[in-house]
Each structure stands twice: as C-alpha cells, then as structure tokens.
C-alpha cells in the first residue's frame, strides 16, 4: 500500500461497528476512530472502544480513539405529529414555557435560554439552515417569528442564530459525565463542541485531566470550530488546545456557506503555524451515504483540504450510517494519495526569517532541512512525548517521518499527525543500541536499503522527555 501522509478519521455507528468490517476499514486506511457521544449510552461507547482496540490489534495497526462530545442541545422540542410543514409568511412561535407537543403554530424548546438570546430583527436558522425564521418580537418566554423560508420541520431539529450570539455553555452536565466515560477507556482525543473562547477549552482540559488522572492518562483536546464567536478568538483557542476541527456544518449556518472555504484555509494555516493539528470535517463524501462512488465536487473538496495542509479529513454519516463505509474509506485514501503528488513548496522558503529558541525545536527543524538537501529516504524521531514529530509534521516535506516511542498513548496520539508513522520502541535504552534498533525498524519495513541515507533525532540522556538534542545522519551499510 502506498504511503499516505494525510490521515483519515472515521465515525463509528450502526453501519461500521461490526468487528470484521471495522478491521477492514482500519486496514484500508482509517487512522482515528470517532465515537459520537450525541448518540448512544455510556456503556455503548465503552463497548465500542473495546471493539476498536481489538480490531486495531488484529489489523496490526494502532489507531486513536476520539470522543466527540455532544455539547449544548440548542434545539426545538417535539411535535404532536412528529413534524410540521411551515409555510413562508406565516407566524410561528418558539415557546420556552410550552410543555405540550408542537403544531403548525408553534413548538416548545429544549434550549430554554433562547428568549434571552434574541431580539426583534434577528434571523434564526433551523435544521441546518433549511428553515429560516425572522424574529418579530419576544414576549416573556415566547419568541414570535415569521417564516421566511418554509419547509418540513421535525422533532428536535437544531437552532442557529445568524451571525452567532447564543449563550449556551460549551460543556453541559451530560458532557461532564461523558468525559468520565471517555477517560475510563482512555480516549486519545476529546473533541469539544461549540467552544466560544479559550476559557471553554481550559475548562474542558481541567475536567479531562481530573477524570484521567486515575488512569495516568492525558488526552489531546480538539476544539470544534462551529460558532461565529469562535472565529475572532481562533488564536487563543488554538493556544490552549491540541488541535481544531473545521466543523463546516454549524459554522456554515452561522457565518453563511460562502464564507466557509476561505475560513477553512485560514484555520488550517493558523493551526500549522501554531504547531497544532487540524481536522477538516462535514459532508466530505456525503453522497457516498447512498452511492458507491463520490461526486466530482466531493473529490475536489477532499483534495483541496489535503492541498491546504490539513492533518486529517473526516467521515461522519458516511461511515456511521452509510451503505458503503469501507468503499468510502478506500475512495478517500485514494483521493488523498493523488492530491499529495502535487509538488510541495521549497522547505528553505518555509524557514526563511524564522528563529527557533528551543534546542529540541531547532534539532527537529535541522532534521527536515538536512533530510531534504541530502535526499534522505526517511527521518526518524526517537520521542517520548511526540513533540519532535509534531513540529516536523507542520512543514511540507516529501520525506516520511517515523516516530519511535516507548509509550502506546504517544503512539496513538501521533496517528493524527500528518506525514508521521508512529511505531512502538523502547527509547530509554543505551543510545547506540537504540540507533541500531531504529535502523532495524526501517530495514524490516523496506523503508531503506543498503546505501540509503536517513536522518535520526534523539535526546541524551535517553528517555528524558523534551530532551531531543542530537541529530545524526546515517547511511545504511
């Protein structure tokens, strides 16, 4: 199988939770498995996590597990008939105090704060923007609206406010319980839904660290950028997160579809510049929920995210509930491989005007520069925390990066890093022994052969986290 730099995140669901199928999906290219906590009970996720670990073991590959929190339920209530047909120009009332099921005149709210968050003149978008309501008045607990764009509205559909401004907290009581569940099986990443600022992410970090302390575990935190308010706060959100997800569904509803492609490019660029990971998500291969092949537009969408420099591309309903979960993964992997053939920019230009204050960071950059100019077949990073591999992966380089670590948790976390292949190896041993073993890993996988050059980084003394201080260029005998 050709070596792919861009990683694939696949959401688990009824269509993909069969152990044999999941194993095939991992072999076909899934690097990270997403468990969507918007669905299912705690025990369901615990069971699925065990299925993932077993399938990965059978496939002979480590994968990361990402627990995706539901976040606040900003939704309408239920209807007596399950759904209604709203007609443009008609009045429709969203009533936070209503307890009886809804009808064509109005409906209750799961989100009770809506009357405090809106005023006359605001535009509300329901069901991913398919229904548009204009707020004409707020009377106590009632939000009076006129239907601007009608259509079918069914139970518990989501509510967005155009331009953002809903005050719902990013973390609910359910999310706090779900964090405990996710830490019980040591989820490698936790994705936080609807964060508005750094404080939301810092709170999530605190909750994760407390819940994970009993397991001596620290998950990576991914901020899902899906609120208009998050955009001006991107830099501070990135600073306190391990990565971001370009969550194009809710984001598009709040800022408008047309604004999303440029925001996607900006977010990917910012994340890479801050040494953070980035996942591009939502409707990437949507038509493959029902069809065995993607549309040409979807192929271009995935390829453009790869060309922008995303670490990973994500599948949601395509693998969770679609008819062709395995075929979708295969198609996506092929698109990524083709897009990666495009000539990368000169790495010298990437470094111009930059300074590196830390020794370990400088060594990582030195390895990239040296490997590029010597035509090295591989770069090897002996790493405890994975930081060296992460820094290297932020720069476009054709040379594959192999990260050797003694920690399974670090190995799993690095499965999300672009162009990094994480392998397990005891790096706390004698340096010369470790270097010999590292070359052995490359030879056994036919990454290098006699006469090939590769670059290797490590720290002296061996096994000290954050201690990378040595770069060695080797030629295979």
Protein backbone atom coordinates (compact mmCIF):
# COMPACT_ATOMS: atom_id res chain seq x y z
CA UNK A 1 0.00 0.00 0.00
CA UNK A 2 1.46 3.44 -0.95
CA UNK A 3 2.36 5.65 1.98
CA UNK A 4 -0.27 8.34 2.67
CA UNK A 5 0.57 11.49 4.64
CA UNK A 6 -2.99 12.75 5.30
CA UNK A 7 -4.88 10.85 7.99
CA UNK A 8 -8.48 9.61 7.90
CA UNK A 9 -10.94 9.98 10.79
CA UNK A 10 -13.97 7.67 10.55
CA UNK A 11 -17.10 7.91 12.71
CA UNK A 12 -18.35 4.67 14.17
CA UNK A 13 -22.05 3.83 14.02
CA UNK A 14 -24.51 1.05 13.15
CA UNK A 15 -23.02 0.73 9.65
CA UNK A 16 -19.45 0.22 10.86
CA UNK A 17 -19.47 -1.34 14.33
CA UNK A 18 -19.16 -4.93 13.09
CA UNK A 19 -15.68 -6.04 14.26
CA UNK A 20 -14.70 -7.71 10.95
CA UNK A 21 -15.78 -4.68 8.90
CA UNK A 22 -14.01 -2.28 11.24
CA UNK A 23 -10.81 -4.29 10.89
CA UNK A 24 -11.09 -3.99 7.08
CA UNK A 25 -11.65 -0.23 7.41
CA UNK A 26 -8.52 0.11 9.55
CA UNK A 27 -6.51 -1.90 7.01
CA UNK A 28 -7.95 0.32 4.24
CA UNK A 29 -6.64 3.47 5.90
CA UNK A 30 -8.60 4.60 8.98
CA UNK A 31 -6.17 6.24 11.45
CA UNK A 32 -8.58 7.69 14.01
CA UNK A 33 -11.99 6.34 15.06
CA UNK A 34 -14.56 8.90 16.21
CA UNK A 35 -17.15 7.96 18.82
CA UNK A 36 -20.07 10.40 18.59
CA UNK A 37 -21.43 11.00 22.11
CA UNK A 38 -24.57 12.64 20.67
CA UNK A 39 -25.85 9.09 20.25
CA UNK A 40 -25.87 6.04 22.48
CA UNK A 41 -25.36 5.35 26.17
CA UNK A 42 -22.12 5.32 28.19
CA UNK A 43 -21.84 1.53 28.09
CA UNK A 44 -22.31 1.56 24.29
CA UNK A 45 -19.21 3.74 23.92
CA UNK A 46 -17.20 1.65 26.37
CA UNK A 47 -18.11 -1.47 24.36
CA UNK A 48 -17.31 0.20 21.02
CA UNK A 49 -13.92 1.38 22.31
CA UNK A 50 -13.05 -2.24 23.16
CA UNK A 51 -14.15 -3.33 19.67
CA UNK A 52 -11.89 -0.63 18.13
CA UNK A 53 -8.85 -1.68 20.18
CA UNK A 54 -9.36 -5.36 19.28
CA UNK A 55 -9.88 -4.62 15.57
CA UNK A 56 -6.73 -2.46 15.51
CA UNK A 57 -4.75 -5.25 17.18
CA UNK A 58 -5.95 -7.79 14.59
CA UNK A 59 -5.09 -5.34 11.79
CA UNK A 60 -1.61 -4.83 13.28
CA UNK A 61 -2.06 -1.04 13.42
CA UNK A 62 -2.56 1.42 16.23
CA UNK A 63 -5.46 3.84 15.82
CA UNK A 64 -6.51 6.74 18.02
CA UNK A 65 -9.99 6.99 19.55
CA UNK A 66 -11.60 10.42 19.54
CA UNK A 67 -14.56 11.01 21.88
CA UNK A 68 -16.73 13.74 20.34
CA UNK A 69 -18.86 15.46 22.99
CA UNK A 70 -22.46 16.41 22.18
CA UNK A 71 -22.30 19.95 23.56
CA UNK A 72 -25.39 22.07 24.30
CA UNK A 73 -28.73 20.95 22.83
CA UNK A 74 -29.82 24.12 21.04
CA UNK A 75 -32.94 22.51 19.59
CA UNK A 76 -36.70 22.81 19.21
CA UNK A 77 -38.92 20.36 21.13
CA UNK A 78 -41.18 17.65 19.76
CA UNK A 79 -44.29 17.86 17.58
CA UNK A 80 -47.58 16.03 18.13
CA UNK A 81 -47.34 14.52 14.63
CA UNK A 82 -43.54 14.22 14.67
CA UNK A 83 -43.20 17.04 12.12
CA UNK A 84 -44.99 20.06 10.63
CA UNK A 85 -44.89 21.90 7.30
CA UNK A 86 -44.06 25.59 7.80
CA UNK A 87 -45.33 28.00 5.14
CA UNK A 88 -43.46 31.18 4.21
CA UNK A 89 -45.13 34.32 5.56
CA UNK A 90 -46.92 32.51 8.40
CA UNK A 91 -46.42 33.21 12.12
CA UNK A 92 -44.55 30.57 14.19
CA UNK A 93 -43.90 30.75 17.96
CA UNK A 94 -40.90 29.23 19.75
CA UNK A 95 -42.08 28.95 23.36
CA UNK A 96 -39.62 28.06 26.17
CA UNK A 97 -42.51 27.51 28.63
CA UNK A 98 -44.53 25.19 26.38
CA UNK A 99 -44.82 21.59 27.64
CA UNK A 100 -47.37 20.13 25.22
CA UNK A 101 -46.19 18.85 21.79
CA UNK A 102 -45.86 21.38 18.98
CA UNK A 103 -48.04 22.06 15.94
CA UNK A 104 -48.00 24.27 12.86
CA UNK A 105 -48.45 27.40 15.04
CA UNK A 106 -45.57 26.81 17.46
CA UNK A 107 -43.33 24.44 19.41
CA UNK A 108 -41.52 24.16 22.74
CA UNK A 109 -37.76 24.47 23.17
CA UNK A 110 -35.05 22.17 24.51
CA UNK A 111 -32.96 25.36 24.72
CA UNK A 112 -34.78 27.42 27.37
CA UNK A 113 -32.47 30.47 27.12
CA UNK A 114 -33.49 31.40 23.58
CA UNK A 115 -35.87 34.25 24.61
CA UNK A 116 -32.95 35.92 26.45
CA UNK A 117 -30.56 35.49 23.49
CA UNK A 118 -32.64 37.02 20.69
CA UNK A 119 -34.47 40.24 19.85
CA UNK A 120 -36.73 41.52 17.08
CA UNK A 121 -34.87 41.58 13.76
CA UNK A 122 -32.70 38.53 14.48
CA UNK A 123 -32.70 35.66 11.98
CA UNK A 124 -32.94 32.06 13.24
CA UNK A 125 -31.86 29.13 11.10
CA UNK A 126 -33.37 25.73 11.87
CA UNK A 127 -32.43 22.26 10.61
CA UNK A 128 -29.01 23.33 9.23
CA UNK A 129 -30.45 26.45 7.61
CA UNK A 130 -33.21 24.73 5.63
CA UNK A 131 -35.83 26.68 7.64
CA UNK A 132 -35.38 30.46 8.14
CA UNK A 133 -37.35 32.42 10.75
CA UNK A 134 -37.35 36.20 11.32
CA UNK A 135 -37.85 37.22 14.96
CA UNK A 136 -40.60 39.86 15.10
CA UNK A 137 -41.00 40.10 18.91
CA UNK A 138 -40.02 38.49 22.22
CA UNK A 139 -42.84 38.32 24.77
CA UNK A 140 -41.68 36.72 28.04
CA UNK A 141 -40.84 33.10 27.23
CA UNK A 142 -42.24 33.34 23.69
CA UNK A 143 -40.13 34.13 20.61
CA UNK A 144 -42.59 35.31 17.94
CA UNK A 145 -41.31 34.75 14.39
CA UNK A 146 -42.40 35.00 10.78
CA UNK A 147 -41.41 32.12 8.48
CA UNK A 148 -39.07 33.49 5.82
CA UNK A 149 -38.17 30.14 4.27
CA UNK A 150 -40.60 27.33 4.97
CA UNK A 151 -40.42 23.57 4.72
CA UNK A 152 -40.67 20.46 6.85
CA UNK A 153 -39.60 20.83 10.48
CA UNK A 154 -39.40 17.68 12.60
CA UNK A 155 -38.65 16.84 16.23
CA UNK A 156 -35.53 18.19 17.98
CA UNK A 157 -34.01 19.99 14.99
CA UNK A 158 -31.13 22.35 15.74
CA UNK A 159 -31.37 26.15 16.07
CA UNK A 160 -28.65 28.59 14.98
CA UNK A 161 -28.69 32.37 15.16
CA UNK A 162 -27.34 34.08 12.05
CA UNK A 163 -24.07 35.76 13.00
CA UNK A 164 -23.86 33.82 16.28
CA UNK A 165 -24.71 35.05 19.77
CA UNK A 166 -26.39 32.14 21.56
CA UNK A 167 -25.09 31.99 25.15
CA UNK A 168 -25.26 28.21 25.72
CA UNK A 169 -22.14 26.97 27.56
CA UNK A 170 -19.85 24.66 25.58
CA UNK A 171 -19.90 21.99 28.31
CA UNK A 172 -23.13 20.57 29.68
CA UNK A 173 -23.71 18.21 32.61
CA UNK A 174 -24.00 15.38 30.07
CA UNK A 175 -20.61 16.33 28.57
CA UNK A 176 -19.03 16.21 32.03
CA UNK A 177 -20.35 12.68 32.54
CA UNK A 178 -19.26 11.72 29.02
CA UNK A 179 -15.72 12.94 29.72
CA UNK A 180 -15.56 10.49 32.66
CA UNK A 181 -16.79 7.69 30.38
CA UNK A 182 -14.23 8.59 27.68
CA UNK A 183 -11.40 8.63 30.21
CA UNK A 184 -12.44 5.21 31.57
CA UNK A 185 -11.26 3.72 28.25
CA UNK A 186 -8.50 6.33 27.82
CA UNK A 187 -9.79 8.08 24.71
CA UNK A 188 -6.77 9.60 22.95
CA UNK A 189 -8.58 12.77 21.91
CA UNK A 190 -11.65 14.61 23.21
CA UNK A 191 -13.44 16.88 20.72
CA UNK A 192 -15.26 19.78 22.40
CA UNK A 193 -18.41 21.02 20.64
CA UNK A 194 -19.28 24.73 20.28
CA UNK A 195 -16.41 26.36 22.25
CA UNK A 196 -16.56 30.17 22.03
CA UNK A 197 -13.21 31.05 23.60
CA UNK A 198 -10.10 29.76 25.39
CA UNK A 199 -11.95 29.55 28.73
CA UNK A 200 -14.29 26.85 27.35
CA UNK A 201 -11.29 24.77 26.29
CA UNK A 202 -9.41 25.35 29.57
CA UNK A 203 -12.45 24.11 31.49
CA UNK A 204 -12.62 21.02 29.28
CA UNK A 205 -8.88 20.42 29.84
CA UNK A 206 -9.33 20.62 33.60
CA UNK A 207 -12.26 18.18 33.56
CA UNK A 208 -10.36 15.74 31.31
CA UNK A 209 -7.21 15.85 33.44
CA UNK A 210 -9.17 15.22 36.65
CA UNK A 211 -11.14 12.33 35.11
CA UNK A 212 -8.00 10.84 33.51
CA UNK A 213 -5.65 11.18 36.49
CA UNK A 214 -6.69 7.79 37.93
CA UNK A 215 -5.51 6.19 34.66
CA UNK A 216 -2.28 8.28 34.42
CA UNK A 217 -3.60 9.49 31.08
CA UNK A 218 -3.74 12.88 29.33
CA UNK A 219 -5.93 13.14 26.25
CA UNK A 220 -5.40 15.60 23.42
CA UNK A 221 -8.10 18.27 23.15
CA UNK A 222 -9.68 19.23 19.82
CA UNK A 223 -11.77 22.42 19.62
CA UNK A 224 -14.60 22.11 17.10
CA UNK A 225 -14.87 25.49 15.38
CA UNK A 226 -18.60 25.77 14.65
CA UNK A 227 -19.70 29.07 16.21
CA UNK A 228 -19.34 32.52 14.69
CA UNK A 229 -17.99 33.78 18.06
CA UNK A 230 -15.06 31.34 17.86
CA UNK A 231 -13.63 32.93 14.70
CA UNK A 232 -12.25 36.16 16.30
CA UNK A 233 -10.92 34.00 19.19
CA UNK A 234 -9.17 31.42 16.99
CA UNK A 235 -5.63 32.28 18.11
CA UNK A 236 -6.44 31.99 21.82
CA UNK A 237 -8.50 28.80 21.30
CA UNK A 238 -5.57 27.26 19.40
CA UNK A 239 -3.14 28.27 22.13
CA UNK A 240 -4.93 26.20 24.80
CA UNK A 241 -5.98 23.26 22.54
CA UNK A 242 -4.01 20.45 20.90
CA UNK A 243 -5.85 21.00 17.65
CA UNK A 244 -9.02 22.20 15.96
CA UNK A 245 -11.73 20.70 13.81
CA UNK A 246 -13.04 22.76 10.90
CA UNK A 247 -16.68 21.77 11.61
CA UNK A 248 -18.24 23.14 8.48
CA UNK A 249 -21.91 22.28 9.21
CA UNK A 250 -22.93 24.54 12.09
CA UNK A 251 -20.22 27.05 11.14
CA UNK A 252 -21.71 27.45 7.65
CA UNK A 253 -25.18 28.01 9.10
CA UNK A 254 -23.91 30.80 11.37
CA UNK A 255 -21.49 32.61 9.00
CA UNK A 256 -23.00 31.64 5.64
CA UNK A 257 -21.90 28.89 3.22
CA UNK A 258 -19.85 31.22 1.05
CA UNK A 259 -17.56 32.28 3.92
CA UNK A 260 -16.52 28.74 4.88
CA UNK A 261 -13.90 27.80 2.20
CA UNK A 262 -11.72 30.85 2.96
CA UNK A 263 -12.16 30.28 6.72
CA UNK A 264 -11.09 26.65 6.24
CA UNK A 265 -7.85 27.73 4.56
CA UNK A 266 -7.22 30.33 7.26
CA UNK A 267 -7.84 27.87 10.10
CA UNK A 268 -5.55 25.20 8.62
CA UNK A 269 -2.79 27.77 8.10
CA UNK A 270 -3.15 29.14 11.65
CA UNK A 271 -3.14 25.68 13.22
CA UNK A 272 0.04 24.64 11.39
CA UNK A 273 1.75 27.92 12.29
CA UNK A 274 0.98 27.30 15.99
CA UNK A 275 2.19 23.65 15.86
CA UNK A 276 -1.34 22.30 16.33
CA UNK A 277 -3.21 19.60 14.44
CA UNK A 278 -6.27 20.26 12.29
CA UNK A 279 -9.13 18.03 11.08
CA UNK A 280 -11.38 19.05 8.18
CA UNK A 281 -14.91 17.69 8.60
CA UNK A 282 -18.55 17.65 7.47
CA UNK A 283 -20.09 16.31 4.25
CA UNK A 284 -16.74 15.46 2.66
CA UNK A 285 -18.12 12.36 0.92
CA UNK A 286 -21.81 12.91 1.74
CA UNK A 287 -23.19 11.32 -1.44
CA UNK A 288 -21.48 8.03 -0.52
CA UNK A 289 -24.02 7.54 2.28
CA UNK A 290 -26.22 6.18 -0.53
CA UNK A 291 -23.91 5.83 -3.57
CA UNK A 292 -20.84 3.64 -4.17
CA UNK A 293 -18.84 6.50 -5.76
CA UNK A 294 -18.36 10.16 -4.72
CA UNK A 295 -19.29 13.20 -6.79
CA UNK A 296 -16.53 15.10 -8.61
CA UNK A 297 -17.17 18.05 -6.28
CA UNK A 298 -16.55 15.85 -3.22
CA UNK A 299 -13.31 14.57 -4.74
CA UNK A 300 -12.19 18.18 -5.22
CA UNK A 301 -13.27 19.09 -1.69
CA UNK A 302 -11.18 16.34 -0.08
CA UNK A 303 -8.21 17.07 -2.37
CA UNK A 304 -8.33 20.80 -1.59
CA UNK A 305 -8.26 20.14 2.16
CA UNK A 306 -5.17 17.97 1.58
CA UNK A 307 -3.55 20.70 -0.53
CA UNK A 308 -4.35 23.25 2.21
CA UNK A 309 -2.27 21.12 4.62
CA UNK A 310 -4.94 19.53 6.83
CA UNK A 311 -3.70 16.73 9.09
CA UNK A 312 -6.84 14.69 8.62
CA UNK A 313 -10.09 14.50 6.68
CA UNK A 314 -13.16 13.20 8.49
CA UNK A 315 -16.08 10.96 7.61
CA UNK A 316 -19.30 11.28 9.63
CA UNK A 317 -22.58 9.69 8.48
CA UNK A 318 -20.71 8.19 5.51
CA UNK A 319 -19.16 5.54 7.78
CA UNK A 320 -21.57 5.73 10.74
CA UNK A 321 -24.81 5.10 8.86
CA UNK A 322 -23.96 4.87 5.14
CA UNK A 323 -24.36 1.91 2.79
CA UNK A 324 -20.68 1.86 1.75
CA UNK A 325 -18.43 2.55 4.78
CA UNK A 326 -15.44 0.51 3.55
CA UNK A 327 -15.67 1.79 -0.03
CA UNK A 328 -15.82 5.38 1.27
CA UNK A 329 -12.57 4.93 3.23
CA UNK A 330 -10.87 3.40 0.17
CA UNK A 331 -12.04 6.26 -2.08
CA UNK A 332 -10.93 8.90 0.43
CA UNK A 333 -7.49 7.30 0.84
CA UNK A 334 -7.01 7.28 -2.95
CA UNK A 335 -8.01 10.95 -3.25
CA UNK A 336 -5.51 11.90 -0.51
CA UNK A 337 -2.71 9.96 -2.23
CA UNK A 338 -3.33 11.66 -5.58
CA UNK A 339 -3.52 15.14 -4.02
CA UNK A 340 -0.23 14.54 -2.18
CA UNK A 341 1.57 14.06 -5.50
CA UNK A 342 1.39 17.81 -6.11
CA UNK A 343 4.80 19.44 -5.74
CA UNK A 344 5.37 20.87 -2.27
CA UNK A 345 6.85 24.32 -1.77
CA UNK A 346 10.57 24.69 -1.09
CA UNK A 347 11.27 23.98 2.58
CA UNK A 348 14.05 26.60 2.57
CA UNK A 349 11.40 29.28 1.99
CA UNK A 350 9.37 27.76 4.82
CA UNK A 351 12.22 28.50 7.25
CA UNK A 352 13.27 31.93 5.97
CA UNK A 353 13.00 34.63 8.62
CA UNK A 354 12.18 32.14 11.37
CA UNK A 355 14.08 31.63 14.60
CA UNK A 356 13.90 28.66 16.95
CA UNK A 357 14.61 29.40 20.61
CA UNK A 358 14.43 25.81 21.90
CA UNK A 359 17.16 23.23 21.31
CA UNK A 360 14.69 20.37 20.65
CA UNK A 361 12.70 22.51 18.20
CA UNK A 362 15.90 23.53 16.38
CA UNK A 363 17.00 19.89 16.12
CA UNK A 364 13.62 18.95 14.62
CA UNK A 365 13.88 21.73 12.02
CA UNK A 366 17.52 20.81 11.33
CA UNK A 367 16.45 17.23 10.57
CA UNK A 368 13.91 18.43 7.99
CA UNK A 369 16.39 20.77 6.31
CA UNK A 370 19.16 18.17 6.22
CA UNK A 371 16.90 15.34 5.00
CA UNK A 372 15.56 17.49 2.16
CA UNK A 373 19.00 18.58 0.93
CA UNK A 374 20.62 15.15 1.22
CA UNK A 375 17.73 13.33 -0.43
CA UNK A 376 17.18 11.19 2.68
CA UNK A 377 14.75 8.28 2.44
CA UNK A 378 13.36 8.83 5.94
CA UNK A 379 13.50 10.94 9.08
CA UNK A 380 13.39 9.06 12.38
CA UNK A 381 12.45 10.75 15.65
CA UNK A 382 13.04 8.89 18.91
CA UNK A 383 10.43 10.66 21.03
CA UNK A 384 8.78 10.25 24.41
CA UNK A 385 6.05 12.90 24.17
CA UNK A 386 5.71 13.10 20.37
CA UNK A 387 6.58 16.82 20.27
CA UNK A 388 9.55 16.41 17.89
CA UNK A 389 7.40 14.50 15.39
CA UNK A 390 4.62 17.10 15.69
CA UNK A 391 6.98 20.00 14.94
CA UNK A 392 8.40 18.17 11.93
CA UNK A 393 4.93 17.38 10.62
CA UNK A 394 3.97 21.07 10.45
CA UNK A 395 6.20 21.53 7.39
CA UNK A 396 5.65 20.21 3.87
CA UNK A 397 8.30 17.64 3.08
CA UNK A 398 8.21 14.55 0.88
CA UNK A 399 10.44 12.62 3.25
CA UNK A 400 8.39 10.29 5.50
CA UNK A 401 8.70 10.81 9.25
CA UNK A 402 8.88 7.72 11.51
CA UNK A 403 8.29 8.44 15.19
CA UNK A 404 9.57 5.76 17.58
CA UNK A 405 8.22 5.97 21.11
CA UNK A 406 8.07 3.69 24.18
CA UNK A 407 4.56 4.92 25.06
CA UNK A 408 1.45 3.42 23.47
CA UNK A 409 -0.51 6.57 24.41
CA UNK A 410 2.01 8.73 22.50
CA UNK A 411 1.96 6.32 19.55
CA UNK A 412 -1.83 6.54 19.33
CA UNK A 413 -1.86 10.32 19.63
CA UNK A 414 0.65 10.63 16.78
CA UNK A 415 -1.62 8.68 14.41
CA UNK A 416 -3.35 12.03 13.75
CA UNK A 417 -0.14 13.90 12.74
CA UNK A 418 0.28 14.45 9.01
CA UNK A 419 3.15 12.51 7.39
CA UNK A 420 4.05 10.75 10.67
CA UNK A 421 4.08 6.96 11.05
CA UNK A 422 4.27 6.18 14.78
CA UNK A 423 5.94 2.95 15.90
CA UNK A 424 6.50 1.42 19.33
CA UNK A 425 10.09 1.05 20.54
CA UNK A 426 11.82 1.32 23.91
CA UNK A 427 13.82 4.56 23.62
CA UNK A 428 15.11 4.59 27.21
CA UNK A 429 17.86 2.09 26.43
CA UNK A 430 21.53 2.77 25.59
CA UNK A 431 21.78 5.29 22.75
CA UNK A 432 23.85 3.15 20.37
CA UNK A 433 21.53 0.18 20.88
CA UNK A 434 18.52 2.40 20.21
CA UNK A 435 20.05 3.71 16.97
CA UNK A 436 20.73 0.15 15.76
CA UNK A 437 17.18 -0.89 16.63
CA UNK A 438 15.74 2.16 14.87
CA UNK A 439 17.59 1.26 11.67
CA UNK A 440 16.30 -2.29 12.08
CA UNK A 441 12.73 -0.92 12.08
CA UNK A 442 13.42 0.86 8.77
CA UNK A 443 15.07 -2.19 7.16
CA UNK A 444 12.37 -4.67 8.18
CA UNK A 445 9.70 -2.39 6.66
CA UNK A 446 11.81 -1.92 3.49
CA UNK A 447 11.81 1.85 4.04
CA UNK A 448 15.58 1.95 3.48
CA UNK A 449 18.10 -0.37 1.88
CA UNK A 450 21.87 -0.54 1.53
CA UNK A 451 23.36 2.84 0.56
CA UNK A 452 20.31 4.91 1.57
CA UNK A 453 20.67 7.98 3.79
CA UNK A 454 18.31 8.79 6.68
CA UNK A 455 18.29 11.38 9.48
CA UNK A 456 17.62 10.47 13.11
CA UNK A 457 16.96 12.65 16.17
CA UNK A 458 17.12 11.67 19.83
CA UNK A 459 17.99 13.04 23.26
CA UNK A 460 20.94 12.41 25.52
CA UNK A 461 20.49 11.06 28.12
CA UNK A 462 17.95 8.73 26.51
CA UNK A 463 14.39 8.62 27.82
CA UNK A 464 14.23 12.18 29.19
CA UNK A 465 11.05 13.92 27.90
CA UNK A 466 11.70 17.17 26.00
CA UNK A 467 15.38 16.36 25.74
CA UNK A 468 15.90 15.98 21.96
CA UNK A 469 19.36 17.46 21.43
CA UNK A 470 21.04 15.28 18.81
CA UNK A 471 20.74 14.93 15.04
CA UNK A 472 22.64 12.15 13.28
CA UNK A 473 22.79 11.47 9.55
CA UNK A 474 23.27 7.79 8.76
CA UNK A 475 23.99 5.77 5.62
CA UNK A 476 22.77 2.17 5.60
CA UNK A 477 25.69 -0.25 5.24
